Amino acid sequence: MLQIKKHHSFSLPSLTTATHRLAMSPVVSEDDELIHDIDTADSDDVWTLDPTPDTQELSRYWTTVERDLQNDPDWVNFAEE
């Protein structure tokens, strides 16, 4: 018959015996359009985020993206496969 133990014994490796300190790698700047615009923005620029997006504009944008992808000869539609 199967017996379920109420107590488990787990052992974790000890980190106190480590001789080397943990060092984080330096931050590498990403080649990102938004980060670039923020870094090069004038101090007079005002950035605002709307609490609700313009859904019609987003729909138009993604329709254009989908159309561009479908016109790409290397594009694969996995839904049809």
PDB file of N, CA and C in Angstrom:
ATOM      1  N   MET A   1       0.842  -1.176   0.000  1.00  0.00           N
ATOM      2  CA  MET A   1       0.000   0.000   0.000  1.00  0.00           C
ATOM      3  C   MET A   1       0.893   1.248   0.000  1.00  0.00           C
ATOM      4  N   LEU A   2       0.459   2.271  -0.653  1.00  0.00           N
ATOM      5  CA  LEU A   2       1.193   3.530  -0.737  1.00  0.00           C
ATOM      6  C   LEU A   2       1.082   4.289   0.570  1.00  0.00           C
ATOM      7  N   GLN A   3       2.223   4.739   1.080  1.00  0.00           N
ATOM      8  CA  GLN A   3       2.233   5.533   2.309  1.00  0.00           C
ATOM      9  C   GLN A   3       2.759   6.923   1.993  1.00  0.00           C
ATOM     10  N   ILE A   4       2.061   7.909   2.483  1.00  0.00           N
ATOM     11  CA  ILE A   4       2.469   9.298   2.271  1.00  0.00           C
ATOM     12  C   ILE A   4       3.135   9.792   3.545  1.00  0.00           C
ATOM     13  N   LYS A   5       4.367  10.262   3.411  1.00  0.00           N
ATOM     14  CA  LYS A   5       5.099  10.788   4.558  1.00  0.00           C
ATOM     15  C   LYS A   5       4.688  12.227   4.799  1.00  0.00           C
ATOM     16  N   LYS A   6       4.531  12.574   6.051  1.00  0.00           N
ATOM     17  CA  LYS A   6       4.115  13.935   6.399  1.00  0.00           C
ATOM     18  C   LYS A   6       5.285  14.909   6.419  1.00  0.00           C
ATOM     19  N   HIS A   7       6.494  14.409   6.537  1.00  0.00           N
ATOM     20  CA  HIS A   7       7.667  15.273   6.626  1.00  0.00           C
ATOM     21  C   HIS A   7       8.642  14.930   5.509  1.00  0.00           C
ATOM     22  N   HIS A   8       9.233  15.957   4.950  1.00  0.00           N
ATOM     23  CA  HIS A   8      10.225  15.779   3.900  1.00  0.00           C
ATOM     24  C   HIS A   8      11.536  16.384   4.369  1.00  0.00           C
ATOM     25  N   SER A   9      12.604  15.813   3.921  1.00  0.00           N
ATOM     26  CA  SER A   9      13.921  16.329   4.268  1.00  0.00           C
ATOM     27  C   SER A   9      14.594  16.827   3.001  1.00  0.00           C
ATOM     28  N   PHE A  10      14.690  18.138   2.895  1.00  0.00           N
ATOM     29  CA  PHE A  10      15.345  18.756   1.744  1.00  0.00           C
ATOM     30  C   PHE A  10      16.643  19.381   2.219  1.00  0.00           C
ATOM     31  N   SER A  11      17.669  19.242   1.421  1.00  0.00           N
ATOM     32  CA  SER A  11      18.924  19.902   1.762  1.00  0.00           C
ATOM     33  C   SER A  11      19.282  20.855   0.637  1.00  0.00           C
ATOM     34  N   LEU A  12      19.625  22.049   1.016  1.00  0.00           N
ATOM     35  CA  LEU A  12      20.015  23.078   0.059  1.00  0.00           C
ATOM     36  C   LEU A  12      21.514  23.290   0.146  1.00  0.00           C
ATOM     37  N   PRO A  13      22.144  23.601  -0.969  1.00  0.00           N
ATOM     38  CA  PRO A  13      23.591  23.856  -0.914  1.00  0.00           C
ATOM     39  C   PRO A  13      23.878  25.100  -0.086  1.00  0.00           C
ATOM     40  N   SER A  14      24.957  25.055   0.610  1.00  0.00           N
ATOM     41  CA  SER A  14      25.333  26.182   1.462  1.00  0.00           C
ATOM     42  C   SER A  14      26.034  27.244   0.629  1.00  0.00           C
ATOM     43  N   LEU A  15      25.551  28.462   0.710  1.00  0.00           N
ATOM     44  CA  LEU A  15      26.169  29.565  -0.025  1.00  0.00           C
ATOM     45  C   LEU A  15      27.220  30.281   0.813  1.00  0.00           C
ATOM     46  N   THR A  16      27.274  29.967   2.084  1.00  0.00           N
ATOM     47  CA  THR A  16      28.230  30.661   2.959  1.00  0.00           C
ATOM     48  C   THR A  16      29.656  30.198   2.729  1.00  0.00           C
ATOM     49  N   THR A  17      29.854  29.034   2.121  1.00  0.00           N
ATOM     50  CA  THR A  17      31.210  28.538   1.897  1.00  0.00           C
ATOM     51  C   THR A  17      31.805  29.035   0.585  1.00  0.00           C
ATOM     52  N   ALA A  18      31.051  29.808  -0.160  1.00  0.00           N
ATOM     53  CA  ALA A  18      31.557  30.309  -1.440  1.00  0.00           C
ATOM     54  C   ALA A  18      32.686  31.295  -1.206  1.00  0.00           C
ATOM     55  N   THR A  19      33.767  31.125  -1.965  1.00  0.00           N
ATOM     56  CA  THR A  19      34.923  32.005  -1.800  1.00  0.00           C
ATOM     57  C   THR A  19      34.861  33.214  -2.728  1.00  0.00           C
ATOM     58  N   HIS A  20      34.046  33.143  -3.767  1.00  0.00           N
ATOM     59  CA  HIS A  20      33.947  34.247  -4.723  1.00  0.00           C
ATOM     60  C   HIS A  20      32.679  35.044  -4.462  1.00  0.00           C
ATOM     61  N   ARG A  21      32.794  36.347  -4.611  1.00  0.00           N
ATOM     62  CA  ARG A  21      31.620  37.200  -4.465  1.00  0.00           C
ATOM     63  C   ARG A  21      30.796  37.162  -5.740  1.00  0.00           C
ATOM     64  N   LEU A  22      29.519  37.312  -5.585  1.00  0.00           N
ATOM     65  CA  LEU A  22      28.624  37.373  -6.719  1.00  0.00           C
ATOM     66  C   LEU A  22      28.780  38.728  -7.400  1.00  0.00           C
ATOM     67  N   ALA A  23      29.037  38.725  -8.695  1.00  0.00           N
ATOM     68  CA  ALA A  23      29.223  39.973  -9.436  1.00  0.00           C
ATOM     69  C   ALA A  23      28.229  40.024 -10.579  1.00  0.00           C
ATOM     70  N   MET A  24      27.585  41.153 -10.714  1.00  0.00           N
ATOM     71  CA  MET A  24      26.618  41.336 -11.786  1.00  0.00           C
ATOM     72  C   MET A  24      27.344  41.843 -13.033  1.00  0.00           C
ATOM     73  N   SER A  25      26.847  41.448 -14.185  1.00  0.00           N
ATOM     74  CA  SER A  25      27.459  41.905 -15.426  1.00  0.00           C
ATOM     75  C   SER A  25      27.039  43.351 -15.689  1.00  0.00           C
ATOM     76  N   PRO A  26      27.850  44.092 -16.415  1.00  0.00           N
ATOM     77  CA  PRO A  26      27.489  45.486 -16.708  1.00  0.00           C
ATOM     78  C   PRO A  26      26.270  45.552 -17.621  1.00  0.00           C
ATOM     79  N   VAL A  27      25.533  46.618 -17.501  1.00  0.00           N
ATOM     80  CA  VAL A  27      24.343  46.813 -18.324  1.00  0.00           C
ATOM     81  C   VAL A  27      24.770  47.172 -19.742  1.00  0.00           C
ATOM     82  N   VAL A  28      24.217  46.462 -20.698  1.00  0.00           N
ATOM     83  CA  VAL A  28      24.531  46.706 -22.098  1.00  0.00           C
ATOM     84  C   VAL A  28      23.377  47.494 -22.704  1.00  0.00           C
ATOM     85  N   SER A  29      23.701  48.590 -23.347  1.00  0.00           N
ATOM     86  CA  SER A  29      22.680  49.422 -23.963  1.00  0.00           C
ATOM     87  C   SER A  29      22.071  48.680 -25.154  1.00  0.00           C
ATOM     88  N   GLU A  30      20.753  48.678 -25.207  1.00  0.00           N
ATOM     89  CA  GLU A  30      20.060  48.029 -26.310  1.00  0.00           C
ATOM     90  C   GLU A  30      19.864  49.024 -27.455  1.00  0.00           C
ATOM     91  N   ASP A  31      19.850  48.490 -28.657  1.00  0.00           N
ATOM     92  CA  ASP A  31      19.588  49.322 -29.826  1.00  0.00           C
ATOM     93  C   ASP A  31      18.072  49.365 -30.016  1.00  0.00           C
ATOM     94  N   ASP A  32      17.429  50.144 -29.169  1.00  0.00           N
ATOM     95  CA  ASP A  32      15.975  50.182 -29.124  1.00  0.00           C
ATOM     96  C   ASP A  32      15.508  51.580 -29.505  1.00  0.00           C
ATOM     97  N   GLU A  33      14.494  51.649 -30.351  1.00  0.00           N
ATOM     98  CA  GLU A  33      14.005  52.932 -30.846  1.00  0.00           C
ATOM     99  C   GLU A  33      13.484  53.823 -29.719  1.00  0.00           C
ATOM    100  N   LEU A  34      12.722  53.248 -28.793  1.00  0.00           N
ATOM    101  CA  LEU A  34      12.172  54.039 -27.695  1.00  0.00           C
ATOM    102  C   LEU A  34      13.277  54.545 -26.775  1.00  0.00           C
ATOM    103  N   ILE A  35      14.216  53.670 -26.421  1.00  0.00           N
ATOM    104  CA  ILE A  35      15.330  54.086 -25.553  1.00  0.00           C
ATOM    105  C   ILE A  35      16.140  55.179 -26.229  1.00  0.00           C
ATOM    106  N   HIS A  36      16.388  55.026 -27.523  1.00  0.00           N
ATOM    107  CA  HIS A  36      17.139  56.053 -28.268  1.00  0.00           C
ATOM    108  C   HIS A  36      16.403  57.395 -28.231  1.00  0.00           C
ATOM    109  N   ASP A  37      15.091  57.370 -28.456  1.00  0.00           N
ATOM    110  CA  ASP A  37      14.314  58.614 -28.442  1.00  0.00           C
ATOM    111  C   ASP A  37      14.300  59.254 -27.057  1.00  0.00           C
ATOM    112  N   ILE A  38      14.225  58.442 -26.028  1.00  0.00           N
ATOM    113  CA  ILE A  38      14.239  58.989 -24.664  1.00  0.00           C
ATOM    114  C   ILE A  38      15.594  59.609 -24.359  1.00  0.00           C
ATOM    115  N   ASP A  39      16.674  58.913 -24.746  1.00  0.00           N
ATOM    116  CA  ASP A  39      18.021  59.420 -24.467  1.00  0.00           C
ATOM    117  C   ASP A  39      18.324  60.702 -25.226  1.00  0.00           C
ATOM    118  N   THR A  40      17.773  60.860 -26.424  1.00  0.00           N
ATOM    119  CA  THR A  40      18.081  62.037 -27.241  1.00  0.00           C
ATOM    120  C   THR A  40      16.989  63.097 -27.186  1.00  0.00           C
ATOM    121  N   ALA A  41      16.002  62.902 -26.332  1.00  0.00           N
ATOM    122  CA  ALA A  41      14.885  63.852 -26.262  1.00  0.00           C
ATOM    123  C   ALA A  41      15.326  65.160 -25.619  1.00  0.00           C
ATOM    124  N   ASP A  42      14.743  66.248 -26.095  1.00  0.00           N
ATOM    125  CA  ASP A  42      14.973  67.540 -25.465  1.00  0.00           C
ATOM    126  C   ASP A  42      14.253  67.559 -24.123  1.00  0.00           C
ATOM    127  N   SER A  43      14.763  68.363 -23.219  1.00  0.00           N
ATOM    128  CA  SER A  43      14.137  68.426 -21.896  1.00  0.00           C
ATOM    129  C   SER A  43      12.750  69.062 -21.954  1.00  0.00           C
ATOM    130  N   ASP A  44      12.436  69.759 -23.044  1.00  0.00           N
ATOM    131  CA  ASP A  44      11.124  70.390 -23.177  1.00  0.00           C
ATOM    132  C   ASP A  44      10.052  69.415 -23.674  1.00  0.00           C
ATOM    133  N   ASP A  45      10.479  68.229 -24.134  1.00  0.00           N
ATOM    134  CA  ASP A  45       9.512  67.256 -24.637  1.00  0.00           C
ATOM    135  C   ASP A  45       8.624  66.764 -23.499  1.00  0.00           C
ATOM    136  N   VAL A  46       7.345  66.623 -23.797  1.00  0.00           N
ATOM    137  CA  VAL A  46       6.390  66.131 -22.809  1.00  0.00           C
ATOM    138  C   VAL A  46       5.925  64.751 -23.252  1.00  0.00           C
ATOM    139  N   TRP A  47       6.124  63.770 -22.391  1.00  0.00           N
ATOM    140  CA  TRP A  47       5.712  62.405 -22.681  1.00  0.00           C
ATOM    141  C   TRP A  47       4.431  62.119 -21.921  1.00  0.00           C
ATOM    142  N   THR A  48       3.421  61.640 -22.625  1.00  0.00           N
ATOM    143  CA  THR A  48       2.164  61.278 -21.964  1.00  0.00           C
ATOM    144  C   THR A  48       1.753  59.882 -22.406  1.00  0.00           C
ATOM    145  N   LEU A  49       1.200  59.146 -21.465  1.00  0.00           N
ATOM    146  CA  LEU A  49       0.651  57.832 -21.768  1.00  0.00           C
ATOM    147  C   LEU A  49      -0.839  57.889 -21.515  1.00  0.00           C
ATOM    148  N   ASP A  50      -1.599  57.509 -22.507  1.00  0.00           N
ATOM    149  CA  ASP A  50      -3.049  57.513 -22.368  1.00  0.00           C
ATOM    150  C   ASP A  50      -3.492  56.260 -21.613  1.00  0.00           C
ATOM    151  N   PRO A  51      -4.453  56.412 -20.716  1.00  0.00           N
ATOM    152  CA  PRO A  51      -4.914  55.234 -19.968  1.00  0.00           C
ATOM    153  C   PRO A  51      -5.656  54.233 -20.849  1.00  0.00           C
ATOM    154  N   THR A  52      -6.248  54.705 -21.937  1.00  0.00           N
ATOM    155  CA  THR A  52      -6.931  53.804 -22.871  1.00  0.00           C
ATOM    156  C   THR A  52      -6.377  54.049 -24.262  1.00  0.00           C
ATOM    157  N   PRO A  53      -5.945  53.002 -24.943  1.00  0.00           N
ATOM    158  CA  PRO A  53      -5.376  53.185 -26.281  1.00  0.00           C
ATOM    159  C   PRO A  53      -6.457  53.445 -27.320  1.00  0.00           C
ATOM    160  N   ASP A  54      -6.036  53.999 -28.429  1.00  0.00           N
ATOM    161  CA  ASP A  54      -6.925  54.213 -29.567  1.00  0.00           C
ATOM    162  C   ASP A  54      -7.042  52.867 -30.282  1.00  0.00           C
ATOM    163  N   THR A  55      -8.107  52.142 -30.006  1.00  0.00           N
ATOM    164  CA  THR A  55      -8.245  50.783 -30.534  1.00  0.00           C
ATOM    165  C   THR A  55      -8.377  50.752 -32.049  1.00  0.00           C
ATOM    166  N   GLN A  56      -8.998  51.752 -32.632  1.00  0.00           N
ATOM    167  CA  GLN A  56      -9.117  51.787 -34.092  1.00  0.00           C
ATOM    168  C   GLN A  56      -7.752  51.964 -34.741  1.00  0.00           C
ATOM    169  N   GLU A  57      -6.929  52.832 -34.163  1.00  0.00           N
ATOM    170  CA  GLU A  57      -5.595  53.049 -34.706  1.00  0.00           C
ATOM    171  C   GLU A  57      -4.745  51.784 -34.559  1.00  0.00           C
ATOM    172  N   LEU A  58      -4.853  51.121 -33.407  1.00  0.00           N
ATOM    173  CA  LEU A  58      -4.114  49.874 -33.215  1.00  0.00           C
ATOM    174  C   LEU A  58      -4.575  48.807 -34.199  1.00  0.00           C
ATOM    175  N   SER A  59      -5.864  48.716 -34.416  1.00  0.00           N
ATOM    176  CA  SER A  59      -6.407  47.738 -35.357  1.00  0.00           C
ATOM    177  C   SER A  59      -5.905  48.008 -36.768  1.00  0.00           C
ATOM    178  N   ARG A  60      -5.898  49.273 -37.174  1.00  0.00           N
ATOM    179  CA  ARG A  60      -5.388  49.632 -38.502  1.00  0.00           C
ATOM    180  C   ARG A  60      -3.907  49.283 -38.627  1.00  0.00           C
ATOM    181  N   TYR A  61      -3.145  49.570 -37.584  1.00  0.00           N
ATOM    182  CA  TYR A  61      -1.703  49.297 -37.605  1.00  0.00           C
ATOM    183  C   TYR A  61      -1.450  47.798 -37.754  1.00  0.00           C
ATOM    184  N   TRP A  62      -2.114  46.972 -36.932  1.00  0.00           N
ATOM    185  CA  TRP A  62      -1.869  45.527 -36.982  1.00  0.00           C
ATOM    186  C   TRP A  62      -2.408  44.908 -38.263  1.00  0.00           C
ATOM    187  N   THR A  63      -3.453  45.468 -38.839  1.00  0.00           N
ATOM    188  CA  THR A  63      -3.941  44.990 -40.134  1.00  0.00           C
ATOM    189  C   THR A  63      -2.875  45.227 -41.199  1.00  0.00           C
ATOM    190  N   THR A  64      -2.220  46.372 -41.133  1.00  0.00           N
ATOM    191  CA  THR A  64      -1.134  46.674 -42.076  1.00  0.00           C
ATOM    192  C   THR A  64       0.039  45.722 -41.868  1.00  0.00           C
ATOM    193  N   VAL A  65       0.376  45.456 -40.620  1.00  0.00           N
ATOM    194  CA  VAL A  65       1.470  44.526 -40.318  1.00  0.00           C
ATOM    195  C   VAL A  65       1.143  43.136 -40.854  1.00  0.00           C
ATOM    196  N   GLU A  66      -0.070  42.657 -40.604  1.00  0.00           N
ATOM    197  CA  GLU A  66      -0.474  41.337 -41.095  1.00  0.00           C
ATOM    198  C   GLU A  66      -0.433  41.274 -42.619  1.00  0.00           C
ATOM    199  N   ARG A  67      -0.886  42.318 -43.263  1.00  0.00           N
ATOM    200  CA  ARG A  67      -0.886  42.366 -44.726  1.00  0.00           C
ATOM    201  C   ARG A  67       0.553  42.323 -45.256  1.00  0.00           C
ATOM    202  N   ASP A  68       1.446  43.076 -44.621  1.00  0.00           N
ATOM    203  CA  ASP A  68       2.844  43.063 -45.039  1.00  0.00           C
ATOM    204  C   ASP A  68       3.458  41.674 -44.875  1.00  0.00           C
ATOM    205  N   LEU A  69       3.131  41.017 -43.763  1.00  0.00           N
ATOM    206  CA  LEU A  69       3.668  39.676 -43.535  1.00  0.00           C
ATOM    207  C   LEU A  69       3.128  38.677 -44.552  1.00  0.00           C
ATOM    208  N   GLN A  70       1.860  38.776 -44.874  1.00  0.00           N
ATOM    209  CA  GLN A  70       1.263  37.851 -45.834  1.00  0.00           C
ATOM    210  C   GLN A  70       1.826  38.059 -47.236  1.00  0.00           C
ATOM    211  N   ASN A  71       2.263  39.263 -47.560  1.00  0.00           N
ATOM    212  CA  ASN A  71       2.854  39.538 -48.870  1.00  0.00           C
ATOM    213  C   ASN A  71       4.327  39.151 -48.936  1.00  0.00           C
ATOM    214  N   ASP A  72       4.907  38.803 -47.792  1.00  0.00           N
ATOM    215  CA  ASP A  72       6.302  38.367 -47.749  1.00  0.00           C
ATOM    216  C   ASP A  72       6.380  36.940 -48.289  1.00  0.00           C
ATOM    217  N   PRO A  73       7.205  36.686 -49.318  1.00  0.00           N
ATOM    218  CA  PRO A  73       7.256  35.331 -49.898  1.00  0.00           C
ATOM    219  C   PRO A  73       7.790  34.286 -48.922  1.00  0.00           C
ATOM    220  N   ASP A  74       8.544  34.678 -47.928  1.00  0.00           N
ATOM    221  CA  ASP A  74       9.093  33.725 -46.953  1.00  0.00           C
ATOM    222  C   ASP A  74       8.177  33.518 -45.754  1.00  0.00           C
ATOM    223  N   TRP A  75       7.029  34.203 -45.731  1.00  0.00           N
ATOM    224  CA  TRP A  75       6.117  34.120 -44.590  1.00  0.00           C
ATOM    225  C   TRP A  75       5.404  32.778 -44.568  1.00  0.00           C
ATOM    226  N   VAL A  76       5.309  32.191 -43.368  1.00  0.00           N
ATOM    227  CA  VAL A  76       4.630  30.905 -43.213  1.00  0.00           C
ATOM    228  C   VAL A  76       3.465  31.104 -42.264  1.00  0.00           C
ATOM    229  N   ASN A  77       2.284  30.687 -42.686  1.00  0.00           N
ATOM    230  CA  ASN A  77       1.105  30.754 -41.825  1.00  0.00           C
ATOM    231  C   ASN A  77       0.944  29.392 -41.152  1.00  0.00           C
ATOM    232  N   PHE A  78       1.349  29.320 -39.882  1.00  0.00           N
ATOM    233  CA  PHE A  78       1.303  28.054 -39.168  1.00  0.00           C
ATOM    234  C   PHE A  78      -0.131  27.616 -38.891  1.00  0.00           C
ATOM    235  N   ALA A  79      -1.079  28.537 -38.887  1.00  0.00           N
ATOM    236  CA  ALA A  79      -2.473  28.176 -38.650  1.00  0.00           C
ATOM    237  C   ALA A  79      -3.032  27.350 -39.795  1.00  0.00           C
ATOM    238  N   GLU A  80      -2.493  27.520 -40.975  1.00  0.00           N
ATOM    239  CA  GLU A  80      -2.993  26.789 -42.150  1.00  0.00           C
ATOM    240  C   GLU A  80      -2.294  25.460 -42.345  1.00  0.00           C
ATOM    241  N   GLU A  81      -1.231  25.207 -41.604  1.00  0.00           N
ATOM    242  CA  GLU A  81      -0.484  23.942 -41.777  1.00  0.00           C
ATOM    243  C   GLU A  81      -0.972  22.877 -40.850  1.00  0.00           C
TER     244      GLU A  81
END
